[in-house]
Amino acid sequence: MSRGTQPVDPGDVDLTARFGPLTLPNPLTAAAGCAGYGREVARFFPLDALGSVTTKTIMAAPRSGLATPRMAETPSGMLNSIGLPGAGVDAFVRHELPWLAERGARVLVSIAGQRLEEFAEVAEKLGGRPGVIGLELNISCPNTADRGLLFAANPATSYDVVRAVREVAAAELPVYAKLSPDVASITEVAAACVQAGADGLSMINTVLGMTIDLDTLRPALAAGAGGLSGPAVRPIAVRCVHQVHAAMLAGRIPPVPIIGMGGIRTGRDALEFALAGASHLAVGTALFNDPTAPVRILDELRRELARRGFAKFTDAVGYAHRPVPTERLP
């Protein structure tokens, strides 16, 4: 462990992070759905500046999403009921993946399906594609009609989805399960996903919420409820990451990497997730008002680590779980 008692030079901080068989230049990714397929943010920074880029969720067939209005601002966050619109996996493979590969992006593809077979179908079509470094299974989207895609609602259905994908995905391609905080026990769902073969966990998806328009006296979103994201959910997300990482340390869940997300706006926020146990970090809602947020946060994270004497990002991962040094006790 290379954490010292004195600050280090920010330029000397090693931000590299392991992802499956790869070593990424840093632990940051753009959260699914917040940077589209990458074209939206490529005007503001080179995509290979991030450790990876997570795409918007890909499904087997084209999908228009839910009716408008489907976004609403809330205190310290936003609600959305977008409904996973997209052109389908064939169009993604034909038009978007080659564009991403040309720019050196390391692509984590978010995928979803209405049935197990659809998850498997999409996963198979992404195998061996240039630039794809992993799959993120969106089993926890709360803003689809009747929440029909919320497989993460219980451990059994979560297990089934992960197992179906893991059976067809290339062995060297990491599969991450994206979990919902709207469950009775997130550690039980996490354990089921890992048991089914998940190589990592993404935590968390949005929190189900609602806001009422005081002019129309009706819900602001056409769908009624939607997914709450942004700083308002950060304490929930940090709790979930800390809770699951603690279960891993206690031996209740085999240890796997965690991508932490939920309201990360600054390097301090990012460090908080790392200390809780996240070995990778995703920036989402912040991109809507600051498309340069990921590269800014990377610079801030480097300085926050240096200020606390961490010479390596990996040394900060899970640090909040360590026993308090005896010299600090009264």
Protein backbone atom coordinates (compact mmCIF):
# COMPACT_ATOMS: atom_id res chain seq x y z
CA MET A 1 0.00 0.00 0.00
CA SER A 2 1.57 3.24 -1.16
CA ARG A 3 -0.45 5.75 0.84
CA GLY A 4 1.92 7.98 2.74
CA THR A 5 1.47 10.42 5.59
CA GLN A 6 2.48 13.35 3.38
CA PRO A 7 0.89 14.67 0.18
CA VAL A 8 2.42 13.54 -3.10
CA ASP A 9 2.83 15.35 -6.40
CA PRO A 10 -0.44 15.03 -8.37
CA GLY A 11 1.62 14.30 -11.48
CA ASP A 12 3.00 11.19 -9.79
CA VAL A 13 -0.41 9.66 -8.98
CA ASP A 14 -1.06 6.43 -10.88
CA LEU A 15 -4.70 6.30 -12.02
CA THR A 16 -4.51 3.00 -13.91
CA ALA A 17 -7.22 0.46 -13.18
CA ARG A 18 -7.66 -3.18 -14.15
CA PHE A 19 -10.71 -4.18 -16.17
CA GLY A 20 -10.80 -7.89 -16.88
CA PRO A 21 -7.62 -8.72 -18.80
CA LEU A 22 -6.95 -5.04 -19.58
CA THR A 23 -5.19 -2.23 -17.76
CA LEU A 24 -7.08 1.00 -18.39
CA PRO A 25 -5.37 4.40 -18.17
CA ASN A 26 -7.88 5.52 -15.54
CA PRO A 27 -11.02 4.25 -13.78
CA LEU A 28 -13.51 6.70 -15.30
CA THR A 29 -16.32 5.94 -17.73
CA ALA A 30 -19.36 7.82 -18.98
CA ALA A 31 -22.52 6.29 -17.50
CA ALA A 32 -24.94 4.52 -19.83
CA GLY A 33 -27.45 6.81 -21.51
CA CYS A 34 -25.68 10.05 -20.64
CA ALA A 35 -23.19 10.26 -23.53
CA GLY A 36 -25.27 8.54 -26.20
CA TYR A 37 -23.00 6.41 -28.35
CA GLY A 38 -20.10 8.79 -27.71
CA ARG A 39 -20.66 11.24 -30.56
CA GLU A 40 -22.30 13.76 -28.25
CA VAL A 41 -19.24 14.21 -26.05
CA ALA A 42 -16.48 13.58 -28.61
CA ARG A 43 -16.60 17.27 -29.53
CA PHE A 44 -15.46 18.19 -26.03
CA PHE A 45 -12.69 15.68 -25.30
CA PRO A 46 -11.07 12.67 -27.00
CA LEU A 47 -12.94 9.50 -26.08
CA ASP A 48 -9.71 7.63 -25.39
CA ALA A 49 -9.02 10.13 -22.57
CA LEU A 50 -11.43 8.08 -20.46
CA GLY A 51 -10.69 4.61 -19.21
CA SER A 52 -13.81 3.47 -21.06
CA VAL A 53 -17.04 4.76 -22.57
CA THR A 54 -20.34 3.11 -21.63
CA THR A 55 -22.90 3.33 -24.41
CA LYS A 56 -26.58 4.01 -24.10
CA THR A 57 -28.46 0.76 -23.65
CA ILE A 58 -28.65 -1.44 -26.76
CA MET A 59 -31.57 -3.79 -27.38
CA ALA A 60 -32.24 -6.41 -30.04
CA ALA A 61 -34.72 -4.35 -32.07
CA PRO A 62 -35.23 -0.62 -32.67
CA ARG A 63 -37.16 1.10 -29.91
CA SER A 64 -38.76 4.55 -29.76
CA GLY A 65 -38.94 4.91 -25.99
CA LEU A 66 -41.73 6.42 -23.95
CA ALA A 67 -43.98 9.40 -24.62
CA THR A 68 -42.93 12.98 -23.90
CA PRO A 69 -42.48 14.85 -21.65
CA ARG A 70 -39.93 12.40 -20.34
CA MET A 71 -37.41 14.54 -18.46
CA ALA A 72 -37.91 16.87 -15.51
CA GLU A 73 -35.50 18.81 -13.35
CA THR A 74 -35.69 18.27 -9.59
CA PRO A 75 -33.75 19.69 -6.63
CA SER A 76 -30.20 18.32 -6.90
CA GLY A 77 -31.08 16.00 -9.76
CA MET A 78 -33.33 15.07 -12.62
CA LEU A 79 -36.06 12.58 -13.40
CA ASN A 80 -36.26 10.72 -16.69
CA SER A 81 -38.64 8.28 -18.28
CA ILE A 82 -36.78 8.00 -21.59
CA GLY A 83 -37.64 4.33 -22.02
CA LEU A 84 -34.43 3.05 -23.66
CA PRO A 85 -34.89 4.35 -27.23
CA GLY A 86 -32.37 3.16 -29.81
CA ALA A 87 -31.78 1.80 -33.29
CA GLY A 88 -31.17 -1.81 -32.20
CA VAL A 89 -28.05 -3.93 -32.01
CA ASP A 90 -27.59 -4.46 -35.77
CA ALA A 91 -27.51 -0.72 -36.49
CA PHE A 92 -25.21 -0.19 -33.50
CA VAL A 93 -22.74 -2.79 -34.76
CA ARG A 94 -22.90 -1.43 -38.31
CA HIS A 95 -22.69 2.32 -37.67
CA GLU A 96 -21.61 3.15 -34.12
CA LEU A 97 -19.00 0.57 -33.14
CA PRO A 98 -16.70 1.25 -36.13
CA TRP A 99 -16.85 4.98 -35.37
CA LEU A 100 -15.96 4.35 -31.72
CA ALA A 101 -13.14 1.96 -32.63
CA GLU A 102 -11.61 4.52 -35.00
CA ARG A 103 -11.31 6.93 -32.08
CA GLY A 104 -9.64 4.44 -29.78
CA ALA A 105 -12.57 4.27 -27.39
CA ARG A 106 -12.64 1.32 -25.02
CA VAL A 107 -16.33 0.46 -25.15
CA LEU A 108 -18.45 -1.01 -22.38
CA VAL A 109 -21.74 -1.81 -24.09
CA SER A 110 -24.91 -1.51 -22.03
CA ILE A 111 -27.46 -4.10 -23.15
CA ALA A 112 -31.03 -4.98 -22.22
CA GLY A 113 -33.88 -7.20 -23.29
CA GLN A 114 -37.49 -7.95 -22.49
CA ARG A 115 -36.70 -11.65 -22.23
CA LEU A 116 -33.63 -13.69 -21.36
CA GLU A 117 -33.29 -14.71 -25.00
CA GLU A 118 -32.99 -11.07 -26.07
CA PHE A 119 -30.15 -10.41 -23.64
CA ALA A 120 -28.34 -13.47 -25.01
CA GLU A 121 -29.02 -12.48 -28.63
CA VAL A 122 -27.55 -9.01 -28.18
CA ALA A 123 -24.56 -10.34 -26.23
CA GLU A 124 -23.76 -12.85 -28.99
CA LYS A 125 -23.81 -10.16 -31.68
CA LEU A 126 -21.30 -8.07 -29.73
CA GLY A 127 -18.75 -10.82 -29.22
CA GLY A 128 -15.37 -10.24 -30.85
CA ARG A 129 -16.19 -6.72 -32.02
CA PRO A 130 -13.26 -4.26 -32.17
CA GLY A 131 -13.17 -1.87 -29.25
CA VAL A 132 -15.67 -3.76 -27.05
CA ILE A 133 -14.08 -4.45 -23.67
CA GLY A 134 -17.15 -5.59 -21.74
CA LEU A 135 -20.92 -5.82 -21.39
CA GLU A 136 -23.05 -4.05 -18.82
CA LEU A 137 -26.38 -5.78 -18.28
CA ASN A 138 -29.08 -3.21 -17.68
CA ILE A 139 -31.33 -5.37 -15.54
CA SER A 140 -32.50 -2.43 -13.42
CA CYS A 141 -34.00 0.30 -15.61
CA PRO A 142 -36.93 1.85 -13.70
CA ASN A 143 -38.25 4.04 -16.51
CA THR A 144 -39.73 1.54 -18.96
CA ALA A 145 -43.43 0.81 -19.37
CA ASP A 146 -44.68 -1.12 -16.33
CA ARG A 147 -41.03 -1.46 -15.25
CA GLY A 148 -41.07 -4.66 -17.28
CA LEU A 149 -37.28 -4.76 -17.65
CA LEU A 150 -36.52 -4.60 -13.93
CA PHE A 151 -35.02 -8.08 -13.65
CA ALA A 152 -32.94 -6.80 -10.72
CA ALA A 153 -36.08 -6.69 -8.56
CA ASN A 154 -35.15 -10.04 -7.05
CA PRO A 155 -32.13 -12.35 -6.89
CA ALA A 156 -33.67 -15.20 -8.92
CA THR A 157 -34.42 -13.19 -12.07
CA SER A 158 -31.09 -11.37 -11.76
CA TYR A 159 -29.33 -14.73 -11.67
CA ASP A 160 -31.21 -15.92 -14.75
CA VAL A 161 -30.23 -12.92 -16.88
CA VAL A 162 -26.57 -13.00 -15.93
CA ARG A 163 -26.42 -16.76 -16.48
CA ALA A 164 -28.04 -16.50 -19.90
CA VAL A 165 -25.52 -13.89 -21.05
CA ARG A 166 -22.51 -15.52 -19.45
CA GLU A 167 -23.27 -18.77 -21.28
CA VAL A 168 -23.00 -17.10 -24.71
CA ALA A 169 -20.52 -14.27 -24.11
CA ALA A 170 -16.84 -14.82 -24.86
CA ALA A 171 -15.00 -16.00 -21.76
CA GLU A 172 -12.52 -13.11 -21.94
CA LEU A 173 -15.30 -10.48 -22.16
CA PRO A 174 -16.21 -9.16 -18.69
CA VAL A 175 -19.93 -9.08 -17.89
CA TYR A 176 -21.16 -6.53 -15.35
CA ALA A 177 -24.65 -6.48 -13.84
CA LYS A 178 -26.18 -3.06 -13.19
CA LEU A 179 -28.15 -3.10 -9.95
CA SER A 180 -31.16 -1.17 -8.68
CA PRO A 181 -31.31 0.44 -5.23
CA ASP A 182 -35.08 -0.13 -5.18
CA VAL A 183 -34.85 -3.63 -3.71
CA ALA A 184 -35.20 -5.17 -0.27
CA SER A 185 -31.58 -6.35 -0.14
CA ILE A 186 -29.06 -5.21 -2.71
CA THR A 187 -26.46 -7.58 -1.27
CA GLU A 188 -28.69 -10.58 -2.02
CA VAL A 189 -29.14 -9.45 -5.63
CA ALA A 190 -25.41 -8.79 -5.93
CA ALA A 191 -24.60 -12.24 -4.56
CA ALA A 192 -26.97 -13.88 -7.06
CA CYS A 193 -25.38 -12.02 -9.97
CA VAL A 194 -21.86 -13.01 -8.95
CA GLN A 195 -22.96 -16.60 -8.38
CA ALA A 196 -24.39 -16.61 -11.91
CA GLY A 197 -21.04 -15.56 -13.35
CA ALA A 198 -20.99 -11.75 -13.29
CA ASP A 199 -17.41 -10.49 -13.46
CA GLY A 200 -18.38 -7.18 -11.85
CA LEU A 201 -21.24 -5.01 -10.65
CA SER A 202 -22.41 -1.53 -11.67
CA MET A 203 -24.00 0.40 -8.81
CA ILE A 204 -26.40 2.04 -8.94
CA ASN A 205 -29.10 2.67 -11.50
CA THR A 206 -31.56 5.51 -10.94
CA VAL A 207 -34.00 5.62 -8.03
CA LEU A 208 -37.72 5.53 -8.84
CA GLY A 209 -39.31 8.92 -8.19
CA MET A 210 -42.00 11.37 -9.25
CA THR A 211 -42.63 15.10 -9.38
CA ILE A 212 -45.95 16.91 -9.85
CA ASP A 213 -46.30 19.88 -12.22
CA LEU A 214 -48.11 22.56 -10.22
CA ASP A 215 -49.40 24.23 -13.39
CA THR A 216 -51.05 21.12 -14.87
CA LEU A 217 -51.64 19.52 -11.46
CA ARG A 218 -50.46 16.24 -13.00
CA PRO A 219 -47.20 14.27 -12.94
CA ALA A 220 -44.51 16.15 -14.85
CA LEU A 221 -43.54 13.01 -16.79
CA ALA A 222 -45.95 11.44 -19.23
CA ALA A 223 -45.13 8.04 -17.75
CA GLY A 224 -45.84 9.27 -14.24
CA ALA A 225 -42.81 7.95 -12.42
CA GLY A 226 -39.22 7.98 -13.66
CA GLY A 227 -35.64 7.43 -12.64
CA LEU A 228 -34.05 9.99 -10.31
CA SER A 229 -30.36 10.70 -10.89
CA GLY A 230 -27.82 13.33 -9.89
CA PRO A 231 -26.38 14.48 -6.55
CA ALA A 232 -29.65 13.71 -4.74
CA VAL A 233 -28.98 9.97 -5.05
CA ARG A 234 -25.27 10.01 -4.19
CA PRO A 235 -25.66 9.07 -0.50
CA ILE A 236 -27.85 6.13 -1.53
CA ALA A 237 -25.33 5.00 -4.13
CA VAL A 238 -22.37 5.30 -1.75
CA ARG A 239 -24.29 3.27 0.84
CA CYS A 240 -25.01 0.54 -1.70
CA VAL A 241 -21.38 0.33 -2.84
CA HIS A 242 -20.11 0.30 0.75
CA GLN A 243 -22.66 -2.36 1.76
CA VAL A 244 -21.84 -4.71 -1.11
CA HIS A 245 -18.08 -4.24 -0.76
CA ALA A 246 -18.40 -4.99 2.97
CA ALA A 247 -20.25 -8.21 2.13
CA MET A 248 -17.36 -9.15 -0.16
CA LEU A 249 -14.80 -8.47 2.57
CA ALA A 250 -16.87 -10.59 4.97
CA GLY A 251 -16.91 -13.50 2.52
CA ARG A 252 -20.65 -13.37 1.85
CA ILE A 253 -20.06 -12.43 -1.80
CA PRO A 254 -17.02 -13.47 -3.86
CA PRO A 255 -14.98 -10.30 -4.53
CA VAL A 256 -15.54 -8.67 -7.92
CA PRO A 257 -14.93 -5.11 -9.12
CA ILE A 258 -17.62 -2.46 -8.67
CA ILE A 259 -18.33 0.45 -11.00
CA GLY A 260 -19.66 3.16 -8.70
CA MET A 261 -22.07 5.80 -9.98
CA GLY A 262 -24.76 8.15 -8.80
CA GLY A 263 -24.33 11.90 -8.62
CA ILE A 264 -20.57 12.14 -9.23
CA ARG A 265 -19.85 15.78 -10.09
CA THR A 266 -16.38 16.36 -8.63
CA GLY A 267 -13.15 14.58 -7.82
CA ARG A 268 -14.20 14.55 -4.18
CA ASP A 269 -17.38 12.68 -5.12
CA ALA A 270 -15.34 10.20 -7.14
CA LEU A 271 -12.95 9.61 -4.26
CA GLU A 272 -15.87 8.99 -1.92
CA PHE A 273 -17.07 6.14 -4.14
CA ALA A 274 -13.55 4.69 -4.33
CA LEU A 275 -13.17 4.75 -0.56
CA ALA A 276 -16.52 2.94 -0.27
CA GLY A 277 -15.22 0.15 -2.53
CA ALA A 278 -15.68 1.19 -6.18
CA SER A 279 -12.72 0.31 -8.39
CA HIS A 280 -14.23 2.14 -11.38
CA LEU A 281 -16.33 5.31 -11.54
CA ALA A 282 -19.07 6.47 -13.91
CA VAL A 283 -20.10 10.07 -14.57
CA GLY A 284 -23.65 10.50 -15.80
CA THR A 285 -26.05 13.36 -15.07
CA ALA A 286 -23.19 15.86 -14.72
CA LEU A 287 -22.65 15.53 -18.49
CA PHE A 288 -25.96 17.26 -19.20
CA ASN A 289 -24.75 20.63 -17.95
CA ASP A 290 -20.98 20.11 -18.26
CA PRO A 291 -19.95 17.84 -21.14
CA THR A 292 -16.30 18.21 -20.09
CA ALA A 293 -17.10 16.85 -16.62
CA PRO A 294 -15.27 13.49 -16.97
CA VAL A 295 -11.87 14.99 -17.83
CA ARG A 296 -12.30 17.70 -15.19
CA ILE A 297 -13.22 15.09 -12.57
CA LEU A 298 -10.19 13.00 -13.50
CA ASP A 299 -7.91 15.96 -12.84
CA GLU A 300 -9.68 16.71 -9.57
CA LEU A 301 -9.50 13.06 -8.50
CA ARG A 302 -5.77 13.01 -9.11
CA ARG A 303 -5.33 16.06 -6.88
CA GLU A 304 -7.63 14.69 -4.16
CA LEU A 305 -5.65 11.45 -4.06
CA ALA A 306 -2.33 13.32 -3.97
CA ARG A 307 -3.49 15.58 -1.13
CA ARG A 308 -4.19 12.52 1.00
CA GLY A 309 -0.93 10.75 0.20
CA PHE A 310 -2.31 8.15 -2.22
CA ALA A 311 0.25 7.51 -4.94
CA LYS A 312 -2.06 5.00 -6.66
CA PHE A 313 -5.81 5.11 -7.24
CA THR A 314 -6.10 1.41 -6.44
CA ASP A 315 -4.81 2.05 -2.91
CA ALA A 316 -7.84 4.21 -2.18
CA VAL A 317 -10.34 1.54 -3.26
CA GLY A 318 -12.16 0.26 -0.18
CA TYR A 319 -10.01 2.30 2.20
CA ALA A 320 -13.05 3.33 4.27
CA HIS A 321 -13.40 -0.30 5.36
CA ARG A 322 -9.98 -0.46 7.00
CA PRO A 323 -9.73 -0.45 10.80
CA VAL A 324 -9.10 2.96 12.35
CA PRO A 325 -5.38 3.20 13.21
CA THR A 326 -4.85 2.90 16.97
CA GLU A 327 -2.90 6.16 17.09
CA ARG A 328 -6.05 8.02 16.06
CA LEU A 329 -8.10 6.61 18.92
CA PRO A 330 -8.59 8.86 21.98
